[in-house]
Amino acid sequence: MRGVRGAITVDENTEKAIGDAARKLISVMLSENNFSIEDIASITFTVTHDLNAAFPAAAVRKLAGFSLVPMICALEIDVPGSLKHCIRLLMLVNTGAGQSDIKHVYLNGAARLRPDLT
C-alpha cells in the first residue's frame, strides 16, 4: 500500500468550484499513476477554512465507480499565511509500485506547496 498526495486550489467557495476541482484532482492522480478505482483503499480530503460550500468527497462519490470507496473530509489547520482556497488529499492505494514511482499531483496554485514534486 502507498500513500499518494495531491492538492488543488479553487477560485471561489461554491459547490460547483469545489466539486469540479476535487473531481479533476482525482482524475489526474489516477491517470498519472495508472491506478484504477479498485486500487483505492481510502481517500482523506482536507479543505482550508475558507472552503465550506461543499464536501469534496460528496462530489467524488458521484463519479462512476466511487460510491464504495471510503472517503472522509476534514478541516486543514489554519496556519497564518498558508495557502487559501485549497483542497488537499491523501489517497491510500494498493499497488506494487515503489515509493519513488508514485507521482504526487499539485495543481493550480497548490503547485507552490511542493515545488520539488511538480
N, C-alpha and C. Protein backbone atom coordinates (compact mmCIF):
# COMPACT_ATOMS: atom_id res chain seq x y z
N MET A 1 0.85 -1.18 0.00
CA MET A 1 0.00 0.00 0.00
C MET A 1 0.89 1.23 0.00
N ARG A 2 0.48 2.24 -0.75
CA ARG A 2 1.20 3.51 -0.82
C ARG A 2 0.24 4.66 -0.60
N GLY A 3 0.80 5.74 -0.06
CA GLY A 3 0.07 6.99 0.06
C GLY A 3 0.42 7.89 -1.10
N VAL A 4 -0.60 8.49 -1.69
CA VAL A 4 -0.40 9.41 -2.81
C VAL A 4 -1.02 10.74 -2.41
N ARG A 5 -0.21 11.80 -2.49
CA ARG A 5 -0.67 13.13 -2.10
C ARG A 5 -1.08 13.93 -3.31
N GLY A 6 -2.02 14.83 -3.07
CA GLY A 6 -2.46 15.75 -4.11
C GLY A 6 -3.07 16.98 -3.49
N ALA A 7 -3.09 18.07 -4.25
CA ALA A 7 -3.73 19.30 -3.80
C ALA A 7 -4.10 20.14 -5.02
N ILE A 8 -5.11 20.96 -4.84
CA ILE A 8 -5.56 21.86 -5.89
C ILE A 8 -6.19 23.08 -5.23
N THR A 9 -6.06 24.22 -5.85
CA THR A 9 -6.74 25.42 -5.36
C THR A 9 -7.96 25.68 -6.23
N VAL A 10 -8.93 26.38 -5.64
CA VAL A 10 -10.13 26.78 -6.36
C VAL A 10 -10.27 28.30 -6.30
N ASP A 11 -10.97 28.85 -7.27
CA ASP A 11 -11.12 30.30 -7.34
C ASP A 11 -12.20 30.85 -6.44
N GLU A 12 -13.18 30.02 -6.11
CA GLU A 12 -14.29 30.52 -5.30
C GLU A 12 -14.87 29.42 -4.42
N ASN A 13 -15.54 29.84 -3.37
CA ASN A 13 -16.15 28.94 -2.42
C ASN A 13 -17.58 28.62 -2.85
N THR A 14 -17.70 27.77 -3.87
CA THR A 14 -19.01 27.33 -4.34
C THR A 14 -19.01 25.81 -4.46
N GLU A 15 -20.20 25.24 -4.40
CA GLU A 15 -20.32 23.79 -4.55
C GLU A 15 -19.74 23.33 -5.88
N LYS A 16 -20.02 24.07 -6.95
CA LYS A 16 -19.52 23.70 -8.27
C LYS A 16 -17.99 23.77 -8.33
N ALA A 17 -17.40 24.85 -7.85
CA ALA A 17 -15.94 25.00 -7.90
C ALA A 17 -15.24 23.91 -7.09
N ILE A 18 -15.75 23.63 -5.90
CA ILE A 18 -15.15 22.60 -5.05
C ILE A 18 -15.31 21.22 -5.70
N GLY A 19 -16.50 20.93 -6.20
CA GLY A 19 -16.74 19.64 -6.85
C GLY A 19 -15.91 19.43 -8.09
N ASP A 20 -15.86 20.46 -8.95
CA ASP A 20 -15.07 20.35 -10.18
C ASP A 20 -13.59 20.13 -9.85
N ALA A 21 -13.08 20.86 -8.87
CA ALA A 21 -11.67 20.75 -8.50
C ALA A 21 -11.36 19.36 -7.92
N ALA A 22 -12.22 18.87 -7.05
CA ALA A 22 -11.99 17.55 -6.43
C ALA A 22 -12.00 16.45 -7.49
N ARG A 23 -12.96 16.51 -8.40
CA ARG A 23 -13.03 15.50 -9.45
C ARG A 23 -11.82 15.58 -10.39
N LYS A 24 -11.39 16.80 -10.72
CA LYS A 24 -10.22 16.97 -11.58
C LYS A 24 -8.97 16.40 -10.92
N LEU A 25 -8.79 16.71 -9.64
CA LEU A 25 -7.61 16.23 -8.91
C LEU A 25 -7.57 14.70 -8.89
N ILE A 26 -8.68 14.08 -8.56
CA ILE A 26 -8.75 12.62 -8.52
C ILE A 26 -8.45 12.03 -9.90
N SER A 27 -9.03 12.59 -10.94
CA SER A 27 -8.82 12.08 -12.30
C SER A 27 -7.36 12.15 -12.70
N VAL A 28 -6.71 13.27 -12.43
CA VAL A 28 -5.30 13.42 -12.78
C VAL A 28 -4.44 12.46 -11.97
N MET A 29 -4.74 12.31 -10.69
CA MET A 29 -3.95 11.41 -9.85
C MET A 29 -4.05 9.97 -10.34
N LEU A 30 -5.24 9.53 -10.71
CA LEU A 30 -5.41 8.17 -11.22
C LEU A 30 -4.69 7.99 -12.55
N SER A 31 -4.82 8.97 -13.43
CA SER A 31 -4.18 8.91 -14.74
C SER A 31 -2.66 8.92 -14.65
N GLU A 32 -2.13 9.83 -13.87
CA GLU A 32 -0.67 9.96 -13.74
C GLU A 32 -0.01 8.71 -13.16
N ASN A 33 -0.76 8.00 -12.32
CA ASN A 33 -0.20 6.82 -11.64
C ASN A 33 -0.70 5.50 -12.21
N ASN A 34 -1.58 5.58 -13.20
CA ASN A 34 -2.13 4.38 -13.81
C ASN A 34 -2.83 3.48 -12.79
N PHE A 35 -3.56 4.10 -11.85
CA PHE A 35 -4.34 3.36 -10.87
C PHE A 35 -5.77 3.20 -11.37
N SER A 36 -6.43 2.16 -10.91
CA SER A 36 -7.86 2.02 -11.14
C SER A 36 -8.59 2.32 -9.83
N ILE A 37 -9.86 2.52 -9.91
CA ILE A 37 -10.66 2.81 -8.71
C ILE A 37 -10.57 1.64 -7.73
N GLU A 38 -10.50 0.43 -8.25
CA GLU A 38 -10.40 -0.77 -7.41
C GLU A 38 -9.12 -0.78 -6.57
N ASP A 39 -8.10 -0.04 -6.99
CA ASP A 39 -6.84 0.02 -6.26
C ASP A 39 -6.94 0.89 -5.00
N ILE A 40 -7.92 1.78 -4.95
CA ILE A 40 -8.01 2.76 -3.87
C ILE A 40 -8.55 2.12 -2.59
N ALA A 41 -7.79 2.23 -1.51
CA ALA A 41 -8.24 1.73 -0.20
C ALA A 41 -9.09 2.79 0.50
N SER A 42 -8.66 4.06 0.44
CA SER A 42 -9.43 5.15 1.05
C SER A 42 -8.86 6.49 0.60
N ILE A 43 -9.66 7.54 0.79
CA ILE A 43 -9.23 8.90 0.47
C ILE A 43 -9.61 9.82 1.63
N THR A 44 -8.65 10.60 2.09
CA THR A 44 -8.90 11.63 3.10
C THR A 44 -8.69 12.99 2.45
N PHE A 45 -9.73 13.82 2.49
CA PHE A 45 -9.65 15.18 1.98
C PHE A 45 -9.53 16.15 3.14
N THR A 46 -8.77 17.21 2.96
CA THR A 46 -8.84 18.34 3.87
C THR A 46 -9.09 19.58 3.03
N VAL A 47 -9.75 20.55 3.64
CA VAL A 47 -10.00 21.83 2.98
C VAL A 47 -9.60 22.95 3.92
N THR A 48 -9.19 24.06 3.35
CA THR A 48 -8.89 25.23 4.16
C THR A 48 -10.19 25.81 4.70
N HIS A 49 -10.10 26.58 5.77
CA HIS A 49 -11.30 27.07 6.46
C HIS A 49 -12.19 27.93 5.57
N ASP A 50 -11.67 28.46 4.47
CA ASP A 50 -12.46 29.32 3.59
C ASP A 50 -13.24 28.54 2.53
N LEU A 51 -13.18 27.22 2.58
CA LEU A 51 -13.96 26.37 1.67
C LEU A 51 -14.96 25.56 2.47
N ASN A 52 -16.19 26.04 2.50
CA ASN A 52 -17.22 25.34 3.28
C ASN A 52 -18.54 25.18 2.52
N ALA A 53 -18.53 25.40 1.21
CA ALA A 53 -19.76 25.31 0.42
C ALA A 53 -20.14 23.87 0.06
N ALA A 54 -19.19 22.95 0.18
CA ALA A 54 -19.46 21.56 -0.20
C ALA A 54 -18.37 20.65 0.34
N PHE A 55 -18.69 19.37 0.41
CA PHE A 55 -17.72 18.34 0.77
C PHE A 55 -17.08 17.81 -0.51
N PRO A 56 -15.76 17.85 -0.65
CA PRO A 56 -15.13 17.27 -1.84
C PRO A 56 -15.48 15.79 -2.02
N ALA A 57 -15.56 15.04 -0.94
CA ALA A 57 -15.89 13.62 -1.04
C ALA A 57 -17.26 13.39 -1.66
N ALA A 58 -18.22 14.24 -1.35
CA ALA A 58 -19.57 14.09 -1.91
C ALA A 58 -19.54 14.24 -3.43
N ALA A 59 -18.73 15.16 -3.93
CA ALA A 59 -18.62 15.35 -5.37
C ALA A 59 -17.95 14.15 -6.04
N VAL A 60 -16.91 13.61 -5.42
CA VAL A 60 -16.19 12.48 -5.99
C VAL A 60 -17.05 11.22 -5.97
N ARG A 61 -17.87 11.06 -4.93
CA ARG A 61 -18.75 9.87 -4.86
C ARG A 61 -19.70 9.79 -6.04
N LYS A 62 -19.98 10.92 -6.68
CA LYS A 62 -20.89 10.93 -7.84
C LYS A 62 -20.22 10.40 -9.11
N LEU A 63 -18.89 10.29 -9.10
CA LEU A 63 -18.19 9.72 -10.25
C LEU A 63 -18.45 8.22 -10.32
N ALA A 64 -18.54 7.69 -11.52
CA ALA A 64 -18.79 6.26 -11.70
C ALA A 64 -17.72 5.43 -10.99
N GLY A 65 -18.17 4.49 -10.17
CA GLY A 65 -17.27 3.57 -9.51
C GLY A 65 -16.78 4.00 -8.14
N PHE A 66 -17.05 5.22 -7.73
CA PHE A 66 -16.51 5.73 -6.46
C PHE A 66 -17.46 5.58 -5.27
N SER A 67 -18.66 5.08 -5.48
CA SER A 67 -19.64 5.03 -4.38
C SER A 67 -19.21 4.13 -3.23
N LEU A 68 -18.35 3.15 -3.48
CA LEU A 68 -17.92 2.24 -2.42
C LEU A 68 -16.55 2.57 -1.84
N VAL A 69 -15.88 3.60 -2.36
CA VAL A 69 -14.56 3.99 -1.86
C VAL A 69 -14.74 4.76 -0.55
N PRO A 70 -14.13 4.32 0.55
CA PRO A 70 -14.24 5.05 1.81
C PRO A 70 -13.55 6.42 1.69
N MET A 71 -14.30 7.48 2.02
CA MET A 71 -13.78 8.85 1.95
C MET A 71 -14.24 9.64 3.15
N ILE A 72 -13.43 10.60 3.54
CA ILE A 72 -13.78 11.48 4.65
C ILE A 72 -13.18 12.85 4.37
N CYS A 73 -13.81 13.88 4.92
CA CYS A 73 -13.31 15.25 4.79
C CYS A 73 -13.00 15.81 6.17
N ALA A 74 -12.00 16.68 6.22
CA ALA A 74 -11.62 17.33 7.48
C ALA A 74 -11.16 18.75 7.17
N LEU A 75 -11.06 19.54 8.22
CA LEU A 75 -10.61 20.91 8.10
C LEU A 75 -9.11 20.98 8.28
N GLU A 76 -8.43 21.65 7.36
CA GLU A 76 -6.98 21.83 7.41
C GLU A 76 -6.63 22.80 8.55
N ILE A 77 -5.48 22.66 9.16
CA ILE A 77 -5.03 23.58 10.20
C ILE A 77 -4.88 24.97 9.58
N ASP A 78 -5.42 25.98 10.24
CA ASP A 78 -5.41 27.36 9.73
C ASP A 78 -4.12 28.07 10.17
N VAL A 79 -3.03 27.75 9.51
CA VAL A 79 -1.73 28.35 9.81
C VAL A 79 -1.67 29.74 9.19
N PRO A 80 -1.30 30.76 9.95
CA PRO A 80 -1.21 32.12 9.39
C PRO A 80 -0.29 32.16 8.16
N GLY A 81 -0.79 32.79 7.11
CA GLY A 81 -0.01 32.93 5.88
C GLY A 81 -0.05 31.73 4.96
N SER A 82 -0.80 30.68 5.32
CA SER A 82 -0.83 29.48 4.47
C SER A 82 -1.72 29.70 3.25
N LEU A 83 -1.59 28.81 2.30
CA LEU A 83 -2.34 28.86 1.04
C LEU A 83 -3.84 28.79 1.32
N LYS A 84 -4.59 29.66 0.68
CA LYS A 84 -6.05 29.71 0.85
C LYS A 84 -6.75 28.95 -0.28
N HIS A 85 -8.03 28.69 -0.10
CA HIS A 85 -8.87 28.02 -1.10
C HIS A 85 -8.22 26.74 -1.63
N CYS A 86 -7.76 25.91 -0.72
CA CYS A 86 -7.01 24.72 -1.11
C CYS A 86 -7.68 23.43 -0.62
N ILE A 87 -7.78 22.48 -1.53
CA ILE A 87 -8.23 21.13 -1.22
C ILE A 87 -6.99 20.23 -1.28
N ARG A 88 -6.74 19.51 -0.21
CA ARG A 88 -5.63 18.55 -0.18
C ARG A 88 -6.22 17.16 -0.03
N LEU A 89 -5.48 16.16 -0.47
CA LEU A 89 -5.95 14.81 -0.23
C LEU A 89 -4.80 13.84 -0.08
N LEU A 90 -5.10 12.79 0.64
CA LEU A 90 -4.21 11.65 0.79
C LEU A 90 -5.00 10.43 0.35
N MET A 91 -4.53 9.80 -0.71
CA MET A 91 -5.17 8.60 -1.25
C MET A 91 -4.30 7.41 -0.89
N LEU A 92 -4.88 6.44 -0.21
CA LEU A 92 -4.17 5.19 0.08
C LEU A 92 -4.55 4.19 -1.01
N VAL A 93 -3.51 3.63 -1.66
CA VAL A 93 -3.73 2.77 -2.81
C VAL A 93 -2.99 1.45 -2.66
N ASN A 94 -3.63 0.38 -3.05
CA ASN A 94 -2.98 -0.92 -3.09
C ASN A 94 -2.23 -1.00 -4.42
N THR A 95 -0.90 -1.06 -4.32
CA THR A 95 -0.08 -1.08 -5.53
C THR A 95 1.26 -1.73 -5.22
N GLY A 96 1.85 -2.28 -6.24
CA GLY A 96 3.19 -2.82 -6.12
C GLY A 96 4.26 -1.81 -6.50
N ALA A 97 3.83 -0.61 -6.86
CA ALA A 97 4.78 0.44 -7.26
C ALA A 97 5.66 0.84 -6.08
N GLY A 98 6.90 1.15 -6.39
CA GLY A 98 7.81 1.63 -5.35
C GLY A 98 7.48 3.07 -4.98
N GLN A 99 7.92 3.47 -3.82
CA GLN A 99 7.63 4.82 -3.34
C GLN A 99 8.14 5.88 -4.32
N SER A 100 9.30 5.66 -4.93
CA SER A 100 9.84 6.63 -5.87
C SER A 100 9.09 6.65 -7.20
N ASP A 101 8.25 5.65 -7.43
CA ASP A 101 7.46 5.59 -8.68
C ASP A 101 6.14 6.35 -8.57
N ILE A 102 5.73 6.70 -7.38
CA ILE A 102 4.46 7.38 -7.17
C ILE A 102 4.57 8.83 -7.64
N LYS A 103 3.54 9.27 -8.37
CA LYS A 103 3.50 10.66 -8.85
C LYS A 103 2.46 11.42 -8.03
N HIS A 104 2.92 12.30 -7.17
CA HIS A 104 2.05 13.16 -6.39
C HIS A 104 1.64 14.32 -7.29
N VAL A 105 0.42 14.83 -7.11
CA VAL A 105 -0.13 15.81 -8.05
C VAL A 105 -0.53 17.08 -7.32
N TYR A 106 0.03 18.20 -7.77
CA TYR A 106 -0.28 19.52 -7.20
C TYR A 106 -0.68 20.44 -8.35
N LEU A 107 -1.93 20.86 -8.36
CA LEU A 107 -2.48 21.63 -9.48
C LEU A 107 -2.82 23.07 -9.08
N ASN A 108 -2.84 23.92 -10.09
CA ASN A 108 -3.16 25.34 -9.91
C ASN A 108 -2.20 25.96 -8.90
N GLY A 109 -2.72 26.77 -8.00
CA GLY A 109 -1.88 27.44 -7.01
C GLY A 109 -1.24 26.50 -6.02
N ALA A 110 -1.76 25.28 -5.92
CA ALA A 110 -1.21 24.31 -4.97
C ALA A 110 0.17 23.80 -5.39
N ALA A 111 0.58 24.08 -6.62
CA ALA A 111 1.90 23.66 -7.08
C ALA A 111 3.00 24.26 -6.21
N ARG A 112 2.71 25.39 -5.57
CA ARG A 112 3.73 26.03 -4.72
C ARG A 112 3.95 25.27 -3.41
N LEU A 113 3.04 24.37 -3.06
CA LEU A 113 3.20 23.62 -1.82
C LEU A 113 4.37 22.64 -1.89
N ARG A 114 4.58 22.05 -3.03
CA ARG A 114 5.64 21.06 -3.20
C ARG A 114 6.32 21.25 -4.54
N PRO A 115 7.08 22.34 -4.71
CA PRO A 115 7.75 22.57 -5.99
C PRO A 115 8.74 21.44 -6.34
N ASP A 116 9.19 20.72 -5.35
CA ASP A 116 10.10 19.61 -5.60
C ASP A 116 9.42 18.44 -6.29
N LEU A 117 8.09 18.42 -6.27
CA LEU A 117 7.34 17.31 -6.87
C LEU A 117 6.61 17.69 -8.15
N THR A 118 6.62 18.97 -8.50
CA THR A 118 5.86 19.39 -9.69
C THR A 118 6.78 19.74 -10.83
